[in-house]
Amino acid sequence: MAIDKELLDILACPKCKGELALTEDKKGLMCKPCRLLYEIREDIPIMLVDEAVRLDENLNPLPPAE
């Protein structure tokens, strides 16, 4: 099941309060200004900054910080 368009319209990045975009594979929500990817697990977006995947300048995932 895909994320509902109405839900996507009201969700905002928890860090900057900016707009989120659904990834092409529909497995996450991306904040381009913050370069963060919030994963969608079992149809639930995980909107926690501490659990977001950091993205590089080309919006590709970075390896987890140690």
N, C-alpha and C. Protein backbone atom coordinates (compact mmCIF):
# COMPACT_ATOMS: atom_id res chain seq x y z
N MET A 1 0.84 -1.18 0.00
CA MET A 1 0.00 0.00 0.00
C MET A 1 0.88 1.25 0.00
N ALA A 2 0.60 2.16 -0.91
CA ALA A 2 1.38 3.40 -1.02
C ALA A 2 0.91 4.40 0.03
N ILE A 3 1.79 5.35 0.30
CA ILE A 3 1.42 6.40 1.25
C ILE A 3 0.33 7.29 0.63
N ASP A 4 -0.63 7.65 1.41
CA ASP A 4 -1.78 8.44 0.96
C ASP A 4 -1.34 9.85 0.57
N LYS A 5 -1.85 10.34 -0.55
CA LYS A 5 -1.51 11.69 -1.04
C LYS A 5 -1.87 12.76 -0.01
N GLU A 6 -3.02 12.60 0.67
CA GLU A 6 -3.42 13.58 1.68
C GLU A 6 -2.44 13.62 2.84
N LEU A 7 -1.94 12.44 3.24
CA LEU A 7 -0.94 12.39 4.32
C LEU A 7 0.35 13.05 3.87
N LEU A 8 0.78 12.76 2.65
CA LEU A 8 2.00 13.36 2.13
C LEU A 8 1.89 14.88 2.09
N ASP A 9 0.71 15.39 1.78
CA ASP A 9 0.51 16.84 1.71
C ASP A 9 0.64 17.53 3.07
N ILE A 10 0.34 16.83 4.16
CA ILE A 10 0.41 17.48 5.47
C ILE A 10 1.71 17.18 6.23
N LEU A 11 2.45 16.16 5.80
CA LEU A 11 3.71 15.85 6.49
C LEU A 11 4.77 16.90 6.15
N ALA A 12 5.61 17.20 7.12
CA ALA A 12 6.71 18.14 6.92
C ALA A 12 7.96 17.56 7.57
N CYS A 13 9.10 17.99 7.11
CA CYS A 13 10.37 17.55 7.70
C CYS A 13 10.40 17.98 9.17
N PRO A 14 10.66 17.05 10.08
CA PRO A 14 10.70 17.42 11.49
C PRO A 14 11.88 18.33 11.85
N LYS A 15 12.89 18.37 11.00
CA LYS A 15 14.06 19.21 11.29
C LYS A 15 13.84 20.65 10.84
N CYS A 16 13.42 20.84 9.58
CA CYS A 16 13.30 22.20 9.04
C CYS A 16 11.86 22.63 8.79
N LYS A 17 10.92 21.71 8.95
CA LYS A 17 9.50 21.96 8.70
C LYS A 17 9.20 22.18 7.22
N GLY A 18 10.16 21.78 6.35
CA GLY A 18 9.99 21.95 4.91
C GLY A 18 9.23 20.81 4.26
N GLU A 19 9.07 20.93 2.96
CA GLU A 19 8.33 19.96 2.15
C GLU A 19 9.10 18.66 1.99
N LEU A 20 8.37 17.56 1.95
CA LEU A 20 8.95 16.24 1.73
C LEU A 20 8.51 15.71 0.38
N ALA A 21 9.37 14.92 -0.25
CA ALA A 21 9.04 14.28 -1.53
C ALA A 21 9.15 12.78 -1.37
N LEU A 22 8.21 12.07 -1.95
CA LEU A 22 8.23 10.61 -1.94
C LEU A 22 9.34 10.15 -2.89
N THR A 23 10.16 9.20 -2.45
CA THR A 23 11.22 8.68 -3.31
C THR A 23 10.62 7.90 -4.47
N GLU A 24 11.41 7.72 -5.53
CA GLU A 24 10.94 7.01 -6.72
C GLU A 24 10.49 5.59 -6.38
N ASP A 25 11.20 4.94 -5.47
CA ASP A 25 10.84 3.56 -5.11
C ASP A 25 9.72 3.51 -4.06
N LYS A 26 9.27 4.68 -3.63
CA LYS A 26 8.17 4.83 -2.65
C LYS A 26 8.48 4.18 -1.30
N LYS A 27 9.77 4.13 -0.96
CA LYS A 27 10.18 3.54 0.32
C LYS A 27 10.67 4.57 1.32
N GLY A 28 10.51 5.86 0.98
CA GLY A 28 10.95 6.89 1.89
C GLY A 28 10.47 8.27 1.49
N LEU A 29 10.61 9.20 2.42
CA LEU A 29 10.29 10.60 2.21
C LEU A 29 11.58 11.39 2.33
N MET A 30 11.85 12.24 1.35
CA MET A 30 13.12 12.94 1.29
C MET A 30 12.93 14.43 1.51
N CYS A 31 13.80 14.99 2.36
CA CYS A 31 13.88 16.44 2.52
C CYS A 31 15.17 16.88 1.83
N LYS A 32 15.03 17.53 0.69
CA LYS A 32 16.22 17.93 -0.08
C LYS A 32 17.07 18.98 0.64
N PRO A 33 16.47 20.04 1.24
CA PRO A 33 17.30 21.03 1.93
C PRO A 33 18.13 20.44 3.08
N CYS A 34 17.55 19.53 3.84
CA CYS A 34 18.27 18.90 4.97
C CYS A 34 19.11 17.71 4.53
N ARG A 35 18.86 17.23 3.31
CA ARG A 35 19.51 16.02 2.80
C ARG A 35 19.30 14.85 3.77
N LEU A 36 18.02 14.62 4.10
CA LEU A 36 17.64 13.52 4.97
C LEU A 36 16.55 12.69 4.30
N LEU A 37 16.61 11.38 4.53
CA LEU A 37 15.62 10.44 4.01
C LEU A 37 14.96 9.76 5.20
N TYR A 38 13.64 9.91 5.27
CA TYR A 38 12.86 9.26 6.32
C TYR A 38 12.24 8.01 5.72
N GLU A 39 12.64 6.85 6.22
CA GLU A 39 12.17 5.59 5.67
C GLU A 39 10.70 5.36 5.97
N ILE A 40 10.04 4.60 5.10
CA ILE A 40 8.67 4.17 5.32
C ILE A 40 8.74 2.67 5.61
N ARG A 41 8.32 2.30 6.82
CA ARG A 41 8.35 0.89 7.24
C ARG A 41 6.93 0.44 7.53
N GLU A 42 6.51 -0.63 6.88
CA GLU A 42 5.16 -1.17 7.05
C GLU A 42 4.10 -0.08 6.87
N ASP A 43 4.30 0.72 5.82
CA ASP A 43 3.39 1.81 5.45
C ASP A 43 3.35 2.96 6.46
N ILE A 44 4.33 3.03 7.36
CA ILE A 44 4.39 4.10 8.35
C ILE A 44 5.68 4.89 8.17
N PRO A 45 5.58 6.20 7.88
CA PRO A 45 6.80 7.01 7.76
C PRO A 45 7.44 7.20 9.14
N ILE A 46 8.73 6.94 9.21
CA ILE A 46 9.49 7.09 10.46
C ILE A 46 10.05 8.51 10.47
N MET A 47 9.35 9.40 11.15
CA MET A 47 9.66 10.83 11.11
C MET A 47 10.53 11.26 12.29
N LEU A 48 11.60 10.55 12.52
CA LEU A 48 12.53 10.87 13.60
C LEU A 48 13.87 11.27 12.98
N VAL A 49 14.33 12.48 13.30
CA VAL A 49 15.58 12.97 12.74
C VAL A 49 16.73 12.02 13.06
N ASP A 50 16.75 11.47 14.27
CA ASP A 50 17.84 10.56 14.67
C ASP A 50 17.86 9.26 13.88
N GLU A 51 16.74 8.88 13.29
CA GLU A 51 16.67 7.64 12.51
C GLU A 51 16.71 7.88 11.01
N ALA A 52 16.75 9.14 10.59
CA ALA A 52 16.79 9.46 9.16
C ALA A 52 18.14 9.07 8.57
N VAL A 53 18.12 8.74 7.29
CA VAL A 53 19.34 8.41 6.55
C VAL A 53 19.88 9.70 5.96
N ARG A 54 21.15 9.98 6.24
CA ARG A 54 21.78 11.18 5.68
C ARG A 54 22.05 10.95 4.19
N LEU A 55 21.93 12.03 3.41
CA LEU A 55 22.16 11.96 1.97
C LEU A 55 23.33 12.87 1.59
N ASP A 56 24.07 12.46 0.54
CA ASP A 56 25.16 13.30 0.07
C ASP A 56 24.62 14.41 -0.83
N GLU A 57 25.51 15.21 -1.43
CA GLU A 57 25.07 16.34 -2.25
C GLU A 57 24.30 15.90 -3.50
N ASN A 58 24.46 14.64 -3.91
CA ASN A 58 23.72 14.10 -5.05
C ASN A 58 22.46 13.34 -4.61
N LEU A 59 22.12 13.47 -3.32
CA LEU A 59 20.96 12.83 -2.71
C LEU A 59 21.04 11.31 -2.70
N ASN A 60 22.27 10.81 -2.60
CA ASN A 60 22.50 9.37 -2.44
C ASN A 60 22.76 9.09 -0.97
N PRO A 61 22.28 7.95 -0.45
CA PRO A 61 22.48 7.65 0.96
C PRO A 61 23.96 7.56 1.34
N LEU A 62 24.30 8.11 2.50
CA LEU A 62 25.64 8.01 3.05
C LEU A 62 25.68 6.81 4.00
N PRO A 63 26.87 6.21 4.18
CA PRO A 63 26.96 5.12 5.15
C PRO A 63 26.64 5.62 6.55
N PRO A 64 26.09 4.76 7.40
CA PRO A 64 25.76 5.17 8.78
C PRO A 64 27.00 5.69 9.52
N ALA A 65 26.82 6.72 10.32
CA ALA A 65 27.91 7.27 11.14
C ALA A 65 28.24 6.28 12.25
N GLU A 66 29.50 6.20 12.58
CA GLU A 66 29.93 5.27 13.62
C GLU A 66 29.91 5.92 14.97
